[in-house]
N, C-alpha and C. Protein backbone atom coordinates (compact mmCIF):
# COMPACT_ATOMS: atom_id res chain seq x y z
N MET A 1 -13.27 -0.87 -10.91
CA MET A 1 -12.12 -1.00 -10.02
C MET A 1 -11.24 0.25 -10.13
N THR A 2 -10.93 0.86 -9.02
CA THR A 2 -10.01 1.99 -9.00
C THR A 2 -8.90 1.71 -7.98
N VAL A 3 -7.68 2.08 -8.37
CA VAL A 3 -6.51 1.87 -7.51
C VAL A 3 -5.84 3.21 -7.26
N THR A 4 -5.68 3.55 -6.01
CA THR A 4 -4.99 4.77 -5.61
C THR A 4 -3.71 4.38 -4.89
N LEU A 5 -2.60 4.98 -5.31
CA LEU A 5 -1.30 4.74 -4.69
C LEU A 5 -0.98 5.89 -3.75
N LYS A 6 -0.67 5.55 -2.49
CA LYS A 6 -0.26 6.55 -1.51
C LYS A 6 1.25 6.49 -1.34
N LEU A 7 1.89 7.66 -1.40
CA LEU A 7 3.32 7.75 -1.13
C LEU A 7 3.54 8.78 -0.03
N ALA A 8 4.36 8.44 0.95
CA ALA A 8 4.77 9.38 2.00
C ALA A 8 6.29 9.35 2.03
N THR A 9 6.91 10.38 1.46
CA THR A 9 8.34 10.32 1.20
C THR A 9 9.04 11.61 1.63
N SER A 10 10.37 11.53 1.58
CA SER A 10 11.19 12.73 1.69
C SER A 10 11.11 13.50 0.38
N LEU A 11 11.75 14.66 0.32
CA LEU A 11 11.77 15.44 -0.92
C LEU A 11 12.37 14.66 -2.07
N ASP A 12 13.34 13.80 -1.76
CA ASP A 12 14.00 13.02 -2.81
C ASP A 12 13.39 11.63 -2.97
N GLY A 13 12.14 11.47 -2.55
CA GLY A 13 11.39 10.26 -2.86
C GLY A 13 11.75 9.03 -2.07
N ARG A 14 12.30 9.22 -0.86
CA ARG A 14 12.67 8.06 -0.03
C ARG A 14 11.62 7.82 1.05
N ILE A 15 11.37 6.55 1.33
CA ILE A 15 10.39 6.19 2.35
C ILE A 15 11.04 5.72 3.64
N ALA A 16 12.36 5.54 3.62
CA ALA A 16 13.07 5.10 4.82
C ALA A 16 14.56 5.33 4.61
N THR A 17 15.28 5.35 5.72
CA THR A 17 16.73 5.41 5.64
C THR A 17 17.27 4.07 5.19
N ALA A 18 18.57 4.00 4.95
CA ALA A 18 19.18 2.74 4.56
C ALA A 18 19.00 1.67 5.63
N ALA A 19 18.90 2.11 6.89
CA ALA A 19 18.72 1.17 8.01
C ALA A 19 17.26 0.78 8.20
N GLY A 20 16.36 1.39 7.42
CA GLY A 20 14.95 1.03 7.50
C GLY A 20 14.11 1.92 8.39
N GLU A 21 14.69 2.97 8.97
CA GLU A 21 13.92 3.87 9.83
C GLU A 21 12.96 4.70 8.98
N SER A 22 11.67 4.67 9.33
CA SER A 22 10.68 5.38 8.52
C SER A 22 9.64 6.13 9.34
N ARG A 23 9.60 5.97 10.63
CA ARG A 23 8.60 6.63 11.48
C ARG A 23 9.23 7.78 12.24
N TRP A 24 8.75 9.02 12.01
CA TRP A 24 7.76 9.31 10.98
C TRP A 24 8.40 10.29 10.01
N ILE A 25 8.33 10.01 8.72
CA ILE A 25 8.87 10.94 7.73
C ILE A 25 7.95 12.15 7.61
N THR A 26 6.66 11.91 7.48
CA THR A 26 5.70 13.02 7.38
C THR A 26 5.13 13.31 8.76
N GLY A 27 4.49 14.49 8.89
CA GLY A 27 3.98 14.94 10.17
C GLY A 27 2.57 14.48 10.48
N GLU A 28 2.09 14.95 11.62
CA GLU A 28 0.80 14.52 12.14
C GLU A 28 -0.35 14.88 11.21
N ALA A 29 -0.31 16.08 10.62
CA ALA A 29 -1.40 16.49 9.73
C ALA A 29 -1.48 15.62 8.49
N ALA A 30 -0.32 15.26 7.93
CA ALA A 30 -0.29 14.38 6.76
C ALA A 30 -0.80 12.99 7.12
N ARG A 31 -0.42 12.50 8.28
CA ARG A 31 -0.88 11.17 8.70
C ARG A 31 -2.39 11.16 8.91
N ALA A 32 -2.94 12.25 9.44
CA ALA A 32 -4.39 12.32 9.60
C ALA A 32 -5.09 12.32 8.24
N ALA A 33 -4.50 13.00 7.25
CA ALA A 33 -5.07 13.00 5.90
C ALA A 33 -5.08 11.59 5.32
N VAL A 34 -4.02 10.82 5.59
CA VAL A 34 -3.96 9.44 5.11
C VAL A 34 -5.09 8.62 5.74
N HIS A 35 -5.35 8.82 7.00
CA HIS A 35 -6.44 8.08 7.65
C HIS A 35 -7.79 8.43 7.03
N ARG A 36 -7.98 9.70 6.67
CA ARG A 36 -9.23 10.08 6.00
C ARG A 36 -9.33 9.41 4.63
N LEU A 37 -8.20 9.33 3.92
CA LEU A 37 -8.20 8.66 2.63
C LEU A 37 -8.52 7.17 2.78
N ARG A 38 -7.98 6.55 3.82
CA ARG A 38 -8.32 5.14 4.07
C ARG A 38 -9.83 4.96 4.21
N SER A 39 -10.46 5.89 4.91
CA SER A 39 -11.90 5.76 5.16
C SER A 39 -12.72 5.84 3.89
N GLU A 40 -12.13 6.41 2.82
CA GLU A 40 -12.83 6.56 1.55
C GLU A 40 -12.64 5.36 0.63
N HIS A 41 -11.86 4.38 1.05
CA HIS A 41 -11.59 3.20 0.23
C HIS A 41 -12.14 1.94 0.89
N GLU A 42 -12.29 0.91 0.08
CA GLU A 42 -12.84 -0.34 0.60
C GLU A 42 -11.76 -1.28 1.11
N ALA A 43 -10.51 -1.07 0.67
CA ALA A 43 -9.42 -1.93 1.12
C ALA A 43 -8.11 -1.16 1.09
N VAL A 44 -7.25 -1.46 2.06
CA VAL A 44 -5.89 -0.93 2.12
C VAL A 44 -4.95 -2.09 1.83
N LEU A 45 -4.02 -1.90 0.90
CA LEU A 45 -3.15 -3.00 0.44
C LEU A 45 -1.69 -2.66 0.68
N VAL A 46 -0.94 -3.63 1.21
CA VAL A 46 0.51 -3.49 1.38
C VAL A 46 1.18 -4.79 0.96
N GLY A 47 2.49 -4.71 0.76
CA GLY A 47 3.28 -5.91 0.53
C GLY A 47 3.70 -6.54 1.84
N VAL A 48 4.10 -7.78 1.80
CA VAL A 48 4.45 -8.48 3.04
C VAL A 48 5.67 -7.88 3.71
N GLU A 49 6.60 -7.32 2.93
CA GLU A 49 7.79 -6.72 3.54
C GLU A 49 7.40 -5.55 4.44
N THR A 50 6.46 -4.74 3.98
CA THR A 50 5.96 -3.64 4.80
C THR A 50 5.26 -4.17 6.04
N ALA A 51 4.45 -5.20 5.86
CA ALA A 51 3.72 -5.77 6.99
C ALA A 51 4.68 -6.34 8.03
N LEU A 52 5.74 -6.99 7.58
CA LEU A 52 6.71 -7.58 8.51
C LEU A 52 7.53 -6.50 9.21
N ALA A 53 7.92 -5.47 8.47
CA ALA A 53 8.79 -4.44 9.04
C ALA A 53 8.06 -3.52 10.01
N ASP A 54 6.80 -3.16 9.68
CA ASP A 54 6.09 -2.15 10.46
C ASP A 54 5.04 -2.71 11.42
N ASP A 55 4.61 -3.96 11.22
CA ASP A 55 3.51 -4.54 11.99
C ASP A 55 2.35 -3.55 12.09
N PRO A 56 1.82 -3.11 10.95
CA PRO A 56 0.79 -2.06 10.96
C PRO A 56 -0.60 -2.60 11.29
N GLU A 57 -1.51 -1.67 11.63
CA GLU A 57 -2.91 -2.03 11.81
C GLU A 57 -3.71 -1.76 10.54
N LEU A 58 -3.31 -0.72 9.78
CA LEU A 58 -3.97 -0.35 8.53
C LEU A 58 -5.44 -0.03 8.71
N THR A 59 -5.77 0.57 9.86
CA THR A 59 -7.14 0.96 10.15
C THR A 59 -7.26 2.48 10.12
N VAL A 60 -8.50 2.96 10.15
CA VAL A 60 -8.77 4.39 10.24
C VAL A 60 -8.79 4.76 11.72
N ARG A 61 -7.86 5.60 12.13
CA ARG A 61 -7.77 6.01 13.53
C ARG A 61 -7.81 7.54 13.59
N LEU A 62 -9.03 8.04 13.65
CA LEU A 62 -9.27 9.48 13.73
C LEU A 62 -10.16 9.75 14.94
N PRO A 63 -9.95 10.86 15.64
CA PRO A 63 -10.79 11.17 16.79
C PRO A 63 -12.27 11.19 16.41
N GLY A 64 -13.06 10.42 17.14
CA GLY A 64 -14.50 10.40 16.91
C GLY A 64 -14.97 9.57 15.74
N TYR A 65 -14.04 8.93 15.02
CA TYR A 65 -14.45 8.16 13.84
C TYR A 65 -15.10 6.84 14.27
N ASN A 66 -16.29 6.59 13.80
CA ASN A 66 -16.97 5.32 14.09
C ASN A 66 -17.57 4.71 12.83
N GLY A 67 -16.99 5.07 11.69
CA GLY A 67 -17.47 4.54 10.42
C GLY A 67 -16.88 3.18 10.09
N ARG A 68 -17.13 2.73 8.91
CA ARG A 68 -16.66 1.42 8.45
C ARG A 68 -15.13 1.42 8.33
N GLN A 69 -14.53 0.32 8.74
CA GLN A 69 -13.10 0.14 8.56
C GLN A 69 -12.85 -0.55 7.22
N PRO A 70 -11.84 -0.11 6.45
CA PRO A 70 -11.53 -0.81 5.20
C PRO A 70 -10.95 -2.18 5.49
N ALA A 71 -11.12 -3.08 4.56
CA ALA A 71 -10.45 -4.38 4.67
C ALA A 71 -8.95 -4.17 4.53
N ARG A 72 -8.16 -5.08 5.10
CA ARG A 72 -6.71 -5.03 4.96
C ARG A 72 -6.27 -6.17 4.04
N VAL A 73 -5.39 -5.86 3.09
CA VAL A 73 -4.92 -6.85 2.11
C VAL A 73 -3.40 -6.87 2.13
N VAL A 74 -2.82 -8.06 2.24
CA VAL A 74 -1.37 -8.21 2.23
C VAL A 74 -0.98 -9.14 1.08
N LEU A 75 -0.08 -8.67 0.21
CA LEU A 75 0.47 -9.53 -0.84
C LEU A 75 1.58 -10.36 -0.20
N ASP A 76 1.33 -11.64 -0.04
CA ASP A 76 2.23 -12.51 0.74
C ASP A 76 2.30 -13.88 0.06
N SER A 77 3.13 -13.98 -0.97
CA SER A 77 3.17 -15.19 -1.80
C SER A 77 3.33 -16.46 -0.99
N ARG A 78 4.25 -16.44 -0.02
CA ARG A 78 4.57 -17.65 0.75
C ARG A 78 3.97 -17.64 2.14
N GLN A 79 3.02 -16.73 2.38
CA GLN A 79 2.31 -16.67 3.66
C GLN A 79 3.29 -16.60 4.85
N ARG A 80 4.08 -15.52 4.83
CA ARG A 80 5.10 -15.33 5.85
C ARG A 80 4.61 -14.55 7.06
N LEU A 81 3.40 -14.03 7.01
CA LEU A 81 2.89 -13.27 8.15
C LEU A 81 2.87 -14.14 9.40
N SER A 82 3.20 -13.53 10.52
CA SER A 82 3.20 -14.25 11.80
C SER A 82 1.80 -14.23 12.41
N PRO A 83 1.39 -15.32 13.04
CA PRO A 83 0.10 -15.33 13.75
C PRO A 83 0.05 -14.29 14.87
N ASP A 84 1.21 -13.79 15.29
CA ASP A 84 1.26 -12.82 16.38
C ASP A 84 1.21 -11.37 15.93
N CYS A 85 1.19 -11.12 14.62
CA CYS A 85 1.17 -9.74 14.15
C CYS A 85 -0.22 -9.14 14.33
N LYS A 86 -0.30 -7.80 14.33
CA LYS A 86 -1.56 -7.10 14.59
C LYS A 86 -2.62 -7.44 13.56
N LEU A 87 -2.22 -7.56 12.30
CA LEU A 87 -3.21 -7.83 11.25
C LEU A 87 -3.91 -9.17 11.46
N VAL A 88 -3.13 -10.18 11.83
CA VAL A 88 -3.71 -11.51 12.04
C VAL A 88 -4.52 -11.55 13.33
N LYS A 89 -4.00 -10.93 14.37
CA LYS A 89 -4.69 -10.94 15.67
C LYS A 89 -6.05 -10.26 15.61
N THR A 90 -6.21 -9.30 14.70
CA THR A 90 -7.47 -8.56 14.62
C THR A 90 -8.29 -8.95 13.39
N ALA A 91 -7.94 -10.07 12.77
CA ALA A 91 -8.60 -10.47 11.52
C ALA A 91 -10.09 -10.76 11.69
N ARG A 92 -10.50 -11.15 12.88
CA ARG A 92 -11.93 -11.42 13.11
C ARG A 92 -12.71 -10.13 13.35
N GLU A 93 -12.00 -9.05 13.68
CA GLU A 93 -12.66 -7.77 13.91
C GLU A 93 -12.75 -6.94 12.63
N THR A 94 -11.68 -6.97 11.84
CA THR A 94 -11.62 -6.22 10.58
C THR A 94 -11.22 -7.18 9.47
N PRO A 95 -12.00 -7.28 8.39
CA PRO A 95 -11.68 -8.22 7.32
C PRO A 95 -10.23 -8.09 6.86
N THR A 96 -9.53 -9.21 6.84
CA THR A 96 -8.11 -9.24 6.50
C THR A 96 -7.88 -10.32 5.45
N TYR A 97 -7.29 -9.90 4.33
CA TYR A 97 -7.03 -10.81 3.22
C TYR A 97 -5.54 -11.00 3.03
N LEU A 98 -5.15 -12.22 2.80
CA LEU A 98 -3.77 -12.54 2.47
C LEU A 98 -3.77 -13.13 1.07
N VAL A 99 -3.08 -12.47 0.15
CA VAL A 99 -3.04 -12.92 -1.25
C VAL A 99 -1.78 -13.74 -1.45
N SER A 100 -1.96 -15.01 -1.78
CA SER A 100 -0.85 -15.94 -1.86
C SER A 100 -0.83 -16.67 -3.19
N THR A 101 0.30 -17.30 -3.48
CA THR A 101 0.38 -18.16 -4.67
C THR A 101 0.44 -19.63 -4.27
N THR A 102 0.22 -19.90 -2.97
CA THR A 102 0.27 -21.27 -2.46
C THR A 102 -1.05 -21.60 -1.76
N GLU A 103 -1.19 -22.86 -1.37
CA GLU A 103 -2.40 -23.30 -0.67
C GLU A 103 -2.56 -22.54 0.64
N PRO A 104 -3.80 -22.21 1.04
CA PRO A 104 -4.02 -21.47 2.28
C PRO A 104 -3.40 -22.16 3.49
N ASP A 105 -2.69 -21.37 4.29
CA ASP A 105 -2.08 -21.87 5.52
C ASP A 105 -3.19 -22.09 6.55
N VAL A 106 -3.18 -23.27 7.17
CA VAL A 106 -4.24 -23.62 8.12
C VAL A 106 -4.28 -22.65 9.29
N ALA A 107 -3.11 -22.22 9.76
CA ALA A 107 -3.06 -21.29 10.90
C ALA A 107 -3.67 -19.94 10.55
N MET A 108 -3.44 -19.47 9.32
CA MET A 108 -4.02 -18.20 8.90
C MET A 108 -5.54 -18.30 8.84
N VAL A 109 -6.02 -19.37 8.25
CA VAL A 109 -7.47 -19.56 8.12
C VAL A 109 -8.12 -19.67 9.49
N ALA A 110 -7.46 -20.39 10.40
CA ALA A 110 -7.98 -20.57 11.76
C ALA A 110 -8.07 -19.24 12.50
N ALA A 111 -7.18 -18.31 12.15
CA ALA A 111 -7.17 -17.00 12.81
C ALA A 111 -8.20 -16.05 12.22
N GLY A 112 -8.87 -16.48 11.16
CA GLY A 112 -9.88 -15.64 10.54
C GLY A 112 -9.41 -14.87 9.32
N VAL A 113 -8.16 -15.11 8.91
CA VAL A 113 -7.63 -14.46 7.70
C VAL A 113 -8.21 -15.13 6.47
N ARG A 114 -8.61 -14.35 5.50
CA ARG A 114 -9.16 -14.89 4.26
C ARG A 114 -8.02 -14.98 3.24
N VAL A 115 -7.61 -16.19 2.93
CA VAL A 115 -6.48 -16.40 2.02
C VAL A 115 -7.00 -16.57 0.60
N LEU A 116 -6.53 -15.69 -0.29
CA LEU A 116 -6.91 -15.77 -1.70
C LEU A 116 -5.71 -16.28 -2.49
N ARG A 117 -5.86 -17.41 -3.15
CA ARG A 117 -4.76 -17.94 -3.96
C ARG A 117 -4.91 -17.45 -5.39
N VAL A 118 -3.83 -16.87 -5.92
CA VAL A 118 -3.85 -16.33 -7.28
C VAL A 118 -2.67 -16.88 -8.07
N ARG A 119 -2.70 -16.61 -9.36
CA ARG A 119 -1.64 -17.07 -10.27
C ARG A 119 -0.33 -16.34 -9.97
N ALA A 120 0.78 -17.05 -10.09
CA ALA A 120 2.10 -16.47 -9.84
C ALA A 120 2.75 -16.05 -11.15
N VAL A 121 3.55 -14.98 -11.08
CA VAL A 121 4.36 -14.55 -12.22
C VAL A 121 5.76 -14.23 -11.70
N GLY A 122 6.72 -14.20 -12.61
CA GLY A 122 8.08 -13.81 -12.23
C GLY A 122 8.63 -14.66 -11.10
N GLU A 123 9.13 -14.00 -10.06
CA GLU A 123 9.73 -14.70 -8.92
C GLU A 123 8.65 -15.10 -7.92
N ASP A 124 7.69 -15.85 -8.40
CA ASP A 124 6.58 -16.35 -7.57
C ASP A 124 5.80 -15.20 -6.93
N ARG A 125 5.63 -14.11 -7.67
CA ARG A 125 4.85 -12.98 -7.15
C ARG A 125 3.41 -13.09 -7.65
N PRO A 126 2.45 -12.59 -6.87
CA PRO A 126 1.06 -12.62 -7.32
C PRO A 126 0.88 -11.77 -8.58
N GLU A 127 0.15 -12.30 -9.55
CA GLU A 127 -0.14 -11.57 -10.78
C GLU A 127 -1.20 -10.51 -10.44
N LEU A 128 -0.84 -9.24 -10.59
CA LEU A 128 -1.64 -8.16 -10.01
C LEU A 128 -3.03 -8.02 -10.63
N LYS A 129 -3.16 -8.24 -11.92
CA LYS A 129 -4.49 -8.15 -12.52
C LYS A 129 -5.41 -9.22 -11.92
N THR A 130 -4.86 -10.39 -11.68
CA THR A 130 -5.63 -11.45 -11.04
C THR A 130 -5.96 -11.09 -9.60
N VAL A 131 -5.00 -10.45 -8.93
CA VAL A 131 -5.24 -9.99 -7.55
C VAL A 131 -6.45 -9.06 -7.51
N LEU A 132 -6.47 -8.07 -8.41
CA LEU A 132 -7.57 -7.11 -8.42
C LEU A 132 -8.89 -7.78 -8.78
N GLU A 133 -8.86 -8.74 -9.68
CA GLU A 133 -10.08 -9.47 -10.03
C GLU A 133 -10.60 -10.24 -8.83
N SER A 134 -9.68 -10.86 -8.07
CA SER A 134 -10.08 -11.62 -6.89
C SER A 134 -10.66 -10.70 -5.82
N LEU A 135 -10.07 -9.53 -5.65
CA LEU A 135 -10.59 -8.59 -4.66
C LEU A 135 -11.95 -8.06 -5.08
N GLU A 136 -12.11 -7.81 -6.38
CA GLU A 136 -13.41 -7.34 -6.86
C GLU A 136 -14.48 -8.39 -6.63
N ASP A 137 -14.11 -9.67 -6.78
CA ASP A 137 -15.05 -10.76 -6.50
C ASP A 137 -15.47 -10.76 -5.03
N GLU A 138 -14.61 -10.21 -4.17
CA GLU A 138 -14.92 -10.12 -2.74
C GLU A 138 -15.68 -8.84 -2.40
N GLY A 139 -16.03 -8.05 -3.44
CA GLY A 139 -16.76 -6.82 -3.22
C GLY A 139 -15.88 -5.63 -2.90
N LEU A 140 -14.58 -5.75 -3.18
CA LEU A 140 -13.62 -4.68 -2.89
C LEU A 140 -13.15 -4.07 -4.21
N SER A 141 -13.63 -2.87 -4.52
CA SER A 141 -13.31 -2.28 -5.83
C SER A 141 -12.59 -0.93 -5.72
N ARG A 142 -12.47 -0.38 -4.52
CA ARG A 142 -11.71 0.86 -4.32
C ARG A 142 -10.52 0.53 -3.43
N ILE A 143 -9.35 0.42 -4.05
CA ILE A 143 -8.16 -0.10 -3.37
C ILE A 143 -7.16 1.02 -3.11
N PHE A 144 -6.65 1.08 -1.90
CA PHE A 144 -5.68 2.10 -1.47
C PHE A 144 -4.36 1.39 -1.22
N VAL A 145 -3.40 1.56 -2.13
CA VAL A 145 -2.11 0.87 -2.04
C VAL A 145 -1.14 1.73 -1.24
N GLU A 146 -0.63 1.17 -0.13
CA GLU A 146 0.24 1.94 0.75
C GLU A 146 1.70 1.50 0.75
N GLY A 147 2.07 0.53 -0.07
CA GLY A 147 3.51 0.23 -0.14
C GLY A 147 3.82 -1.22 0.11
N GLY A 148 5.11 -1.47 0.04
CA GLY A 148 6.26 -0.59 -0.10
C GLY A 148 6.66 -0.28 -1.53
N GLY A 149 7.96 0.05 -1.68
CA GLY A 149 8.44 0.52 -2.96
C GLY A 149 8.29 -0.47 -4.10
N GLN A 150 8.51 -1.75 -3.83
CA GLN A 150 8.39 -2.75 -4.89
C GLN A 150 6.93 -2.96 -5.29
N VAL A 151 6.04 -2.92 -4.31
CA VAL A 151 4.62 -3.04 -4.62
C VAL A 151 4.15 -1.85 -5.44
N ALA A 152 4.58 -0.64 -5.06
CA ALA A 152 4.22 0.55 -5.82
C ALA A 152 4.70 0.43 -7.26
N ALA A 153 5.95 0.01 -7.44
CA ALA A 153 6.51 -0.13 -8.78
C ALA A 153 5.75 -1.17 -9.59
N SER A 154 5.37 -2.26 -8.96
CA SER A 154 4.66 -3.33 -9.67
C SER A 154 3.32 -2.84 -10.20
N PHE A 155 2.57 -2.11 -9.38
CA PHE A 155 1.28 -1.58 -9.83
C PHE A 155 1.48 -0.56 -10.94
N LEU A 156 2.51 0.28 -10.83
CA LEU A 156 2.77 1.27 -11.88
C LEU A 156 3.21 0.61 -13.18
N ARG A 157 4.09 -0.38 -13.09
CA ARG A 157 4.56 -1.09 -14.29
C ARG A 157 3.40 -1.72 -15.05
N CYS A 158 2.43 -2.22 -14.30
CA CYS A 158 1.29 -2.90 -14.93
C CYS A 158 0.21 -1.93 -15.40
N GLY A 159 0.43 -0.62 -15.17
CA GLY A 159 -0.56 0.37 -15.60
C GLY A 159 -1.86 0.30 -14.82
N LEU A 160 -1.77 -0.06 -13.54
CA LEU A 160 -2.97 -0.27 -12.74
C LEU A 160 -3.28 0.86 -11.78
N VAL A 161 -2.43 1.88 -11.73
CA VAL A 161 -2.64 2.99 -10.79
C VAL A 161 -3.45 4.09 -11.46
N ASP A 162 -4.60 4.40 -10.87
CA ASP A 162 -5.47 5.44 -11.41
C ASP A 162 -5.18 6.81 -10.82
N ALA A 163 -4.71 6.84 -9.58
CA ALA A 163 -4.45 8.11 -8.90
C ALA A 163 -3.31 7.94 -7.91
N ILE A 164 -2.63 9.04 -7.63
CA ILE A 164 -1.54 9.04 -6.64
C ILE A 164 -1.82 10.13 -5.62
N GLU A 165 -1.71 9.77 -4.35
CA GLU A 165 -1.76 10.73 -3.24
C GLU A 165 -0.36 10.76 -2.65
N TRP A 166 0.36 11.86 -2.90
CA TRP A 166 1.78 11.91 -2.54
C TRP A 166 2.01 12.97 -1.47
N PHE A 167 2.50 12.50 -0.32
CA PHE A 167 2.83 13.39 0.79
C PHE A 167 4.35 13.49 0.87
N ARG A 168 4.86 14.74 0.76
CA ARG A 168 6.30 14.93 0.75
C ARG A 168 6.74 15.80 1.92
N ALA A 169 7.66 15.25 2.69
CA ALA A 169 8.19 15.96 3.86
C ALA A 169 9.40 16.79 3.46
N PRO A 170 9.64 17.92 4.12
CA PRO A 170 10.76 18.79 3.77
C PRO A 170 12.09 18.32 4.35
N ILE A 171 12.43 17.07 4.05
CA ILE A 171 13.72 16.52 4.48
C ILE A 171 14.34 15.78 3.30
N LEU A 172 15.64 15.58 3.38
CA LEU A 172 16.38 14.83 2.36
C LEU A 172 17.06 13.64 3.03
N ILE A 173 16.96 12.48 2.40
CA ILE A 173 17.56 11.27 2.96
C ILE A 173 18.76 10.81 2.14
N GLY A 174 18.71 10.98 0.83
CA GLY A 174 19.85 10.59 0.00
C GLY A 174 19.67 9.26 -0.70
N GLY A 175 20.58 9.00 -1.62
CA GLY A 175 20.47 7.84 -2.50
C GLY A 175 20.53 6.50 -1.81
N GLU A 176 21.12 6.45 -0.61
CA GLU A 176 21.18 5.18 0.10
C GLU A 176 19.87 4.83 0.80
N GLY A 177 18.95 5.80 0.85
CA GLY A 177 17.64 5.53 1.44
C GLY A 177 16.80 4.64 0.55
N ARG A 178 15.71 4.14 1.10
CA ARG A 178 14.84 3.22 0.36
C ARG A 178 13.83 4.02 -0.46
N PRO A 179 13.76 3.75 -1.78
CA PRO A 179 12.89 4.54 -2.65
C PRO A 179 11.41 4.24 -2.45
N GLY A 180 10.59 5.28 -2.61
CA GLY A 180 9.15 5.09 -2.53
C GLY A 180 8.60 4.28 -3.68
N VAL A 181 9.29 4.34 -4.81
CA VAL A 181 8.91 3.55 -5.99
C VAL A 181 10.15 2.77 -6.43
N GLY A 182 10.02 1.47 -6.52
CA GLY A 182 11.14 0.63 -6.95
C GLY A 182 11.37 0.71 -8.44
N ALA A 183 12.16 -0.21 -8.95
CA ALA A 183 12.56 -0.21 -10.36
C ALA A 183 11.36 -0.35 -11.29
N LEU A 184 11.30 0.52 -12.30
CA LEU A 184 10.23 0.47 -13.29
C LEU A 184 10.70 -0.03 -14.65
N ALA A 185 12.02 -0.15 -14.82
CA ALA A 185 12.60 -0.62 -16.09
C ALA A 185 12.15 0.25 -17.26
N VAL A 186 12.16 1.57 -17.06
CA VAL A 186 11.78 2.51 -18.11
C VAL A 186 12.99 2.79 -19.00
N ALA A 187 12.91 2.44 -20.27
CA ALA A 187 14.02 2.65 -21.20
C ALA A 187 13.93 3.99 -21.91
N ALA A 188 12.72 4.52 -22.07
CA ALA A 188 12.52 5.80 -22.75
C ALA A 188 11.46 6.60 -22.00
N LEU A 189 11.58 7.92 -22.01
CA LEU A 189 10.64 8.76 -21.28
C LEU A 189 9.20 8.54 -21.74
N GLY A 190 9.04 8.24 -23.02
CA GLY A 190 7.70 8.00 -23.54
C GLY A 190 7.05 6.77 -22.94
N ASP A 191 7.86 5.87 -22.41
CA ASP A 191 7.33 4.64 -21.82
C ASP A 191 6.99 4.79 -20.34
N ALA A 192 7.39 5.92 -19.74
CA ALA A 192 7.16 6.13 -18.32
C ALA A 192 5.68 6.37 -18.03
N PRO A 193 5.19 5.91 -16.89
CA PRO A 193 3.81 6.22 -16.50
C PRO A 193 3.63 7.72 -16.38
N HIS A 194 2.58 8.26 -16.98
CA HIS A 194 2.34 9.70 -16.96
C HIS A 194 1.08 10.02 -16.15
N PHE A 195 1.19 11.08 -15.35
CA PHE A 195 0.09 11.51 -14.50
C PHE A 195 -0.08 13.02 -14.62
N ARG A 196 -1.28 13.48 -14.30
CA ARG A 196 -1.58 14.91 -14.30
C ARG A 196 -1.82 15.37 -12.87
N ARG A 197 -1.10 16.42 -12.47
CA ARG A 197 -1.30 16.96 -11.13
C ARG A 197 -2.62 17.70 -11.06
N THR A 198 -3.46 17.35 -10.09
CA THR A 198 -4.78 17.96 -9.97
C THR A 198 -4.89 18.91 -8.79
N GLU A 199 -4.00 18.77 -7.82
CA GLU A 199 -4.10 19.63 -6.64
C GLU A 199 -2.79 19.57 -5.86
N VAL A 200 -2.44 20.70 -5.24
CA VAL A 200 -1.31 20.76 -4.32
C VAL A 200 -1.75 21.57 -3.11
N ARG A 201 -1.52 21.04 -1.92
CA ARG A 201 -1.85 21.79 -0.71
C ARG A 201 -0.84 21.50 0.38
N GLU A 202 -0.72 22.43 1.30
CA GLU A 202 0.14 22.22 2.46
C GLU A 202 -0.65 21.53 3.55
N VAL A 203 -0.04 20.53 4.18
CA VAL A 203 -0.62 19.88 5.35
C VAL A 203 0.46 19.91 6.43
N GLY A 204 0.31 20.84 7.35
CA GLY A 204 1.36 21.05 8.32
C GLY A 204 2.62 21.50 7.60
N ALA A 205 3.73 20.86 7.90
CA ALA A 205 5.00 21.19 7.25
C ALA A 205 5.19 20.46 5.93
N ASP A 206 4.27 19.56 5.59
CA ASP A 206 4.42 18.70 4.42
C ASP A 206 3.60 19.23 3.23
N LEU A 207 3.88 18.67 2.07
CA LEU A 207 3.16 19.01 0.85
C LEU A 207 2.37 17.78 0.40
N TRP A 208 1.10 18.01 0.06
CA TRP A 208 0.22 16.93 -0.43
C TRP A 208 -0.07 17.21 -1.89
N GLU A 209 0.43 16.32 -2.76
CA GLU A 209 0.21 16.44 -4.19
C GLU A 209 -0.72 15.32 -4.65
N ARG A 210 -1.68 15.68 -5.48
CA ARG A 210 -2.67 14.70 -5.95
C ARG A 210 -2.55 14.59 -7.47
N TYR A 211 -2.56 13.37 -7.98
CA TYR A 211 -2.36 13.12 -9.40
C TYR A 211 -3.41 12.12 -9.90
N THR A 212 -3.76 12.24 -11.17
CA THR A 212 -4.58 11.24 -11.84
C THR A 212 -3.85 10.77 -13.09
N ARG A 213 -4.10 9.55 -13.47
CA ARG A 213 -3.43 8.98 -14.64
C ARG A 213 -3.92 9.63 -15.92
N ILE A 214 -3.00 9.88 -16.83
CA ILE A 214 -3.34 10.42 -18.14
C ILE A 214 -3.69 9.26 -19.07
């Protein structure tokens, strides 16, 4: 099992303004690189807040691409996704998983969504190691985590992130913006997750930094 975390942020690590505006922080070249990265993974994972706010498709959309689409995975403890959202509407075309801590919702199952029930921790959140085990049981072992900030922080806190693909735009949003990584509860620098930078390249006006876990 390998987990890659994707971040697309401002220079100061923000993924949206205080009002929630986030499209588009990074440019077209960076977004195309993200689509190529999606194609290299078996599943793309987001939290339900991201799914509700952005109504994403989480598919590979590149000119001429006709390869396999990754499965879409949403961490959604209380199954709040709407039957009218893009992910649910296309669940029969592209495998779509909803990870919950409650019994599968009949409407989700009827729409073709595969509901995986896992153990809850904390504030009724899915226990991430169990989530990854459940996904691996489904044949999904290369996971691309795309957000949001709390989901990113949860994977980092649990030591589950193997690599980071970080796209940084040359803009500043400020402290009132929404962070790309939520609270980690780091009390000492030695306890912080440590990564090694393996590559830096320019993609359009943005910077693409690649990291692996130490």
